[in-house]
């Protein structure tokens, strides 16, 4: 495992210490790795949403009302 030396601002360091005091994590390293994992998962979700939005925008916009869109969606679902 790669070792790193990083510095924290006082508020961030205090927050990290409070997490350790609450026994949520056994070390700062464990906590930082968990935060990075969460950020990576979140980035995957953001990328997925962004791709869906890009695809939707490229497909064009509609002048239909929301009621028309809802009825069309229901008819597609009901076959």
N, C-alpha and C. Protein backbone atom coordinates (compact mmCIF):
# COMPACT_ATOMS: atom_id res chain seq x y z
N UNK A 1 0.86 -1.17 0.00
CA UNK A 1 0.00 0.00 0.00
C UNK A 1 0.90 1.24 0.00
N UNK A 2 0.57 2.20 -0.82
CA UNK A 2 1.36 3.43 -0.92
C UNK A 2 1.16 4.30 0.32
N UNK A 3 2.21 4.89 0.77
CA UNK A 3 2.14 5.80 1.92
C UNK A 3 2.20 7.23 1.42
N UNK A 4 1.44 8.08 2.05
CA UNK A 4 1.38 9.49 1.68
C UNK A 4 1.49 10.33 2.94
N UNK A 5 2.01 11.51 2.78
CA UNK A 5 2.02 12.48 3.87
C UNK A 5 1.15 13.64 3.43
N UNK A 6 0.09 13.92 4.19
CA UNK A 6 -0.80 15.01 3.81
C UNK A 6 -1.04 15.90 5.02
N UNK A 7 -1.42 17.13 4.74
CA UNK A 7 -1.73 18.09 5.80
C UNK A 7 -3.21 18.42 5.74
N UNK A 8 -3.79 18.69 6.91
CA UNK A 8 -5.19 19.04 7.01
C UNK A 8 -5.34 20.41 7.63
N UNK A 9 -6.41 21.10 7.23
CA UNK A 9 -6.74 22.34 7.91
C UNK A 9 -7.20 21.98 9.32
N UNK A 10 -7.18 22.92 10.21
CA UNK A 10 -7.56 22.66 11.60
C UNK A 10 -8.99 22.10 11.70
N UNK A 11 -9.99 22.72 11.03
CA UNK A 11 -11.35 22.16 11.12
C UNK A 11 -11.44 20.72 10.60
N UNK A 12 -10.73 20.43 9.51
CA UNK A 12 -10.78 19.08 8.96
C UNK A 12 -10.09 18.09 9.90
N UNK A 13 -8.98 18.49 10.48
CA UNK A 13 -8.28 17.63 11.41
C UNK A 13 -9.13 17.35 12.64
N UNK A 14 -9.82 18.37 13.13
CA UNK A 14 -10.69 18.19 14.29
C UNK A 14 -11.85 17.25 13.96
N UNK A 15 -12.38 17.38 12.76
CA UNK A 15 -13.46 16.49 12.35
C UNK A 15 -12.96 15.05 12.27
N UNK A 16 -11.78 14.86 11.69
CA UNK A 16 -11.20 13.52 11.61
C UNK A 16 -11.01 12.93 13.01
N UNK A 17 -10.49 13.73 13.91
CA UNK A 17 -10.27 13.27 15.29
C UNK A 17 -11.59 12.90 15.95
N UNK A 18 -12.64 13.68 15.70
CA UNK A 18 -13.94 13.37 16.31
C UNK A 18 -14.49 12.05 15.80
N UNK A 19 -14.24 11.73 14.52
CA UNK A 19 -14.68 10.45 13.98
C UNK A 19 -13.96 9.29 14.65
N UNK A 20 -12.68 9.51 14.95
CA UNK A 20 -11.91 8.47 15.63
C UNK A 20 -12.36 8.33 17.08
N UNK A 21 -12.67 9.45 17.71
CA UNK A 21 -13.14 9.42 19.09
C UNK A 21 -14.48 8.71 19.20
N UNK A 22 -15.31 8.85 18.19
CA UNK A 22 -16.62 8.18 18.16
C UNK A 22 -16.47 6.70 17.81
N UNK A 23 -15.26 6.29 17.57
CA UNK A 23 -14.92 4.90 17.22
C UNK A 23 -15.61 4.44 15.94
N UNK A 24 -15.87 5.42 15.07
CA UNK A 24 -16.41 5.07 13.76
C UNK A 24 -15.34 4.39 12.91
N UNK A 25 -14.10 4.80 13.11
CA UNK A 25 -12.96 4.28 12.37
C UNK A 25 -11.82 4.05 13.36
N UNK A 26 -10.94 3.13 13.02
CA UNK A 26 -9.83 2.82 13.92
C UNK A 26 -8.60 3.67 13.65
N UNK A 27 -8.55 4.32 12.48
CA UNK A 27 -7.40 5.17 12.15
C UNK A 27 -7.81 6.22 11.12
N UNK A 28 -7.00 7.27 11.04
CA UNK A 28 -7.25 8.29 10.02
C UNK A 28 -7.12 7.69 8.63
N UNK A 29 -6.19 6.78 8.46
CA UNK A 29 -6.01 6.15 7.14
C UNK A 29 -7.28 5.41 6.70
N UNK A 30 -7.88 4.67 7.63
CA UNK A 30 -9.11 3.95 7.31
C UNK A 30 -10.22 4.93 6.92
N UNK A 31 -10.32 6.02 7.66
CA UNK A 31 -11.33 7.03 7.39
C UNK A 31 -11.11 7.69 6.03
N UNK A 32 -9.88 8.10 5.76
CA UNK A 32 -9.56 8.75 4.48
C UNK A 32 -9.83 7.81 3.32
N UNK A 33 -9.44 6.54 3.45
CA UNK A 33 -9.71 5.57 2.38
C UNK A 33 -11.21 5.40 2.16
N UNK A 34 -11.99 5.39 3.23
CA UNK A 34 -13.44 5.28 3.09
C UNK A 34 -14.02 6.50 2.39
N UNK A 35 -13.54 7.68 2.76
CA UNK A 35 -14.01 8.91 2.10
C UNK A 35 -13.68 8.90 0.61
N UNK A 36 -12.51 8.41 0.28
CA UNK A 36 -12.12 8.34 -1.14
C UNK A 36 -12.99 7.34 -1.88
N UNK A 37 -13.27 6.19 -1.27
CA UNK A 37 -14.17 5.20 -1.90
C UNK A 37 -15.54 5.80 -2.15
N UNK A 38 -16.06 6.52 -1.16
CA UNK A 38 -17.37 7.16 -1.32
C UNK A 38 -17.35 8.18 -2.46
N UNK A 39 -16.28 8.97 -2.53
CA UNK A 39 -16.16 9.98 -3.59
C UNK A 39 -16.08 9.31 -4.96
N UNK A 40 -15.37 8.20 -5.05
CA UNK A 40 -15.26 7.49 -6.32
C UNK A 40 -16.61 6.93 -6.76
N UNK A 41 -17.37 6.36 -5.82
CA UNK A 41 -18.71 5.85 -6.15
C UNK A 41 -19.62 7.00 -6.60
N UNK A 42 -19.52 8.11 -5.89
CA UNK A 42 -20.34 9.27 -6.24
C UNK A 42 -19.99 9.77 -7.64
N UNK A 43 -18.70 9.75 -7.98
CA UNK A 43 -18.29 10.21 -9.30
C UNK A 43 -18.84 9.30 -10.40
N UNK A 44 -18.89 8.00 -10.14
CA UNK A 44 -19.48 7.06 -11.10
C UNK A 44 -20.95 7.41 -11.34
N UNK A 45 -21.67 7.70 -10.25
CA UNK A 45 -23.09 8.07 -10.38
C UNK A 45 -23.24 9.38 -11.15
N UNK A 46 -22.40 10.36 -10.85
CA UNK A 46 -22.46 11.65 -11.53
C UNK A 46 -22.18 11.46 -13.02
N UNK A 47 -21.17 10.65 -13.34
CA UNK A 47 -20.84 10.40 -14.75
C UNK A 47 -22.00 9.73 -15.47
N UNK A 48 -22.68 8.79 -14.79
CA UNK A 48 -23.82 8.10 -15.39
C UNK A 48 -24.95 9.08 -15.68
N UNK A 49 -25.26 9.93 -14.70
CA UNK A 49 -26.33 10.92 -14.87
C UNK A 49 -25.96 11.90 -15.99
N UNK A 50 -24.71 12.34 -16.00
CA UNK A 50 -24.26 13.28 -17.03
C UNK A 50 -24.39 12.66 -18.42
N UNK A 51 -24.04 11.39 -18.55
CA UNK A 51 -24.16 10.70 -19.84
C UNK A 51 -25.62 10.62 -20.27
N UNK A 52 -26.51 10.32 -19.33
CA UNK A 52 -27.94 10.25 -19.64
C UNK A 52 -28.47 11.63 -20.08
N UNK A 53 -28.05 12.68 -19.37
CA UNK A 53 -28.48 14.03 -19.74
C UNK A 53 -27.95 14.43 -21.11
N UNK A 54 -26.68 14.11 -21.37
CA UNK A 54 -26.11 14.42 -22.68
C UNK A 54 -26.86 13.71 -23.80
N UNK A 55 -27.15 12.42 -23.57
CA UNK A 55 -27.89 11.65 -24.59
C UNK A 55 -29.27 12.25 -24.81
N UNK A 56 -29.92 12.64 -23.72
CA UNK A 56 -31.26 13.24 -23.83
C UNK A 56 -31.23 14.55 -24.59
N UNK A 57 -30.23 15.38 -24.28
CA UNK A 57 -30.13 16.67 -24.97
C UNK A 57 -29.84 16.48 -26.45
N UNK A 58 -29.04 15.50 -26.79
CA UNK A 58 -28.72 15.25 -28.20
C UNK A 58 -29.93 14.72 -28.96
N UNK A 59 -30.85 14.09 -28.26
CA UNK A 59 -32.02 13.52 -28.95
C UNK A 59 -33.04 14.58 -29.31
N UNK A 60 -32.88 15.78 -28.79
CA UNK A 60 -33.78 16.88 -29.13
C UNK A 60 -34.76 17.18 -28.03
N UNK A 61 -35.37 18.33 -28.16
CA UNK A 61 -36.34 18.79 -27.18
C UNK A 61 -37.74 18.67 -27.75
N UNK A 62 -38.72 18.76 -26.90
CA UNK A 62 -40.10 18.61 -27.33
C UNK A 62 -40.91 19.84 -26.95
N UNK A 63 -41.96 20.06 -27.67
CA UNK A 63 -42.90 21.13 -27.33
C UNK A 63 -44.14 20.56 -26.64
N UNK A 64 -44.13 19.25 -26.38
CA UNK A 64 -45.27 18.61 -25.72
C UNK A 64 -45.41 19.14 -24.30
N UNK A 65 -46.65 19.13 -23.82
CA UNK A 65 -46.90 19.51 -22.43
C UNK A 65 -46.53 18.33 -21.54
N UNK A 66 -46.45 18.58 -20.24
CA UNK A 66 -46.11 17.48 -19.34
C UNK A 66 -47.20 16.42 -19.34
N UNK A 67 -48.45 16.83 -19.55
CA UNK A 67 -49.54 15.87 -19.61
C UNK A 67 -49.39 14.97 -20.85
N UNK A 68 -49.01 15.57 -21.97
CA UNK A 68 -48.81 14.79 -23.18
C UNK A 68 -47.65 13.81 -23.02
N UNK A 69 -46.60 14.27 -22.40
CA UNK A 69 -45.44 13.40 -22.16
C UNK A 69 -45.82 12.25 -21.24
N UNK A 70 -46.59 12.56 -20.18
CA UNK A 70 -47.03 11.53 -19.24
C UNK A 70 -47.92 10.50 -19.95
N UNK A 71 -48.86 10.97 -20.75
CA UNK A 71 -49.76 10.05 -21.47
C UNK A 71 -48.98 9.17 -22.45
N UNK A 72 -48.01 9.77 -23.12
CA UNK A 72 -47.19 9.02 -24.06
C UNK A 72 -46.38 7.96 -23.31
N UNK A 73 -45.83 8.32 -22.17
CA UNK A 73 -45.06 7.37 -21.37
C UNK A 73 -45.92 6.23 -20.89
N UNK A 74 -47.13 6.56 -20.43
CA UNK A 74 -48.04 5.51 -19.96
C UNK A 74 -48.44 4.58 -21.10
N UNK A 75 -48.68 5.13 -22.27
CA UNK A 75 -49.08 4.28 -23.39
C UNK A 75 -47.92 3.36 -23.81
N UNK A 76 -46.69 3.85 -23.70
CA UNK A 76 -45.54 3.01 -24.03
C UNK A 76 -45.38 1.89 -23.00
N UNK A 77 -45.65 2.19 -21.75
CA UNK A 77 -45.55 1.19 -20.69
C UNK A 77 -46.65 0.14 -20.80
N UNK A 78 -47.84 0.57 -21.18
CA UNK A 78 -48.98 -0.33 -21.26
C UNK A 78 -49.06 -1.10 -22.57
N UNK A 79 -48.21 -0.73 -23.51
CA UNK A 79 -48.16 -1.43 -24.79
C UNK A 79 -49.26 -1.02 -25.65
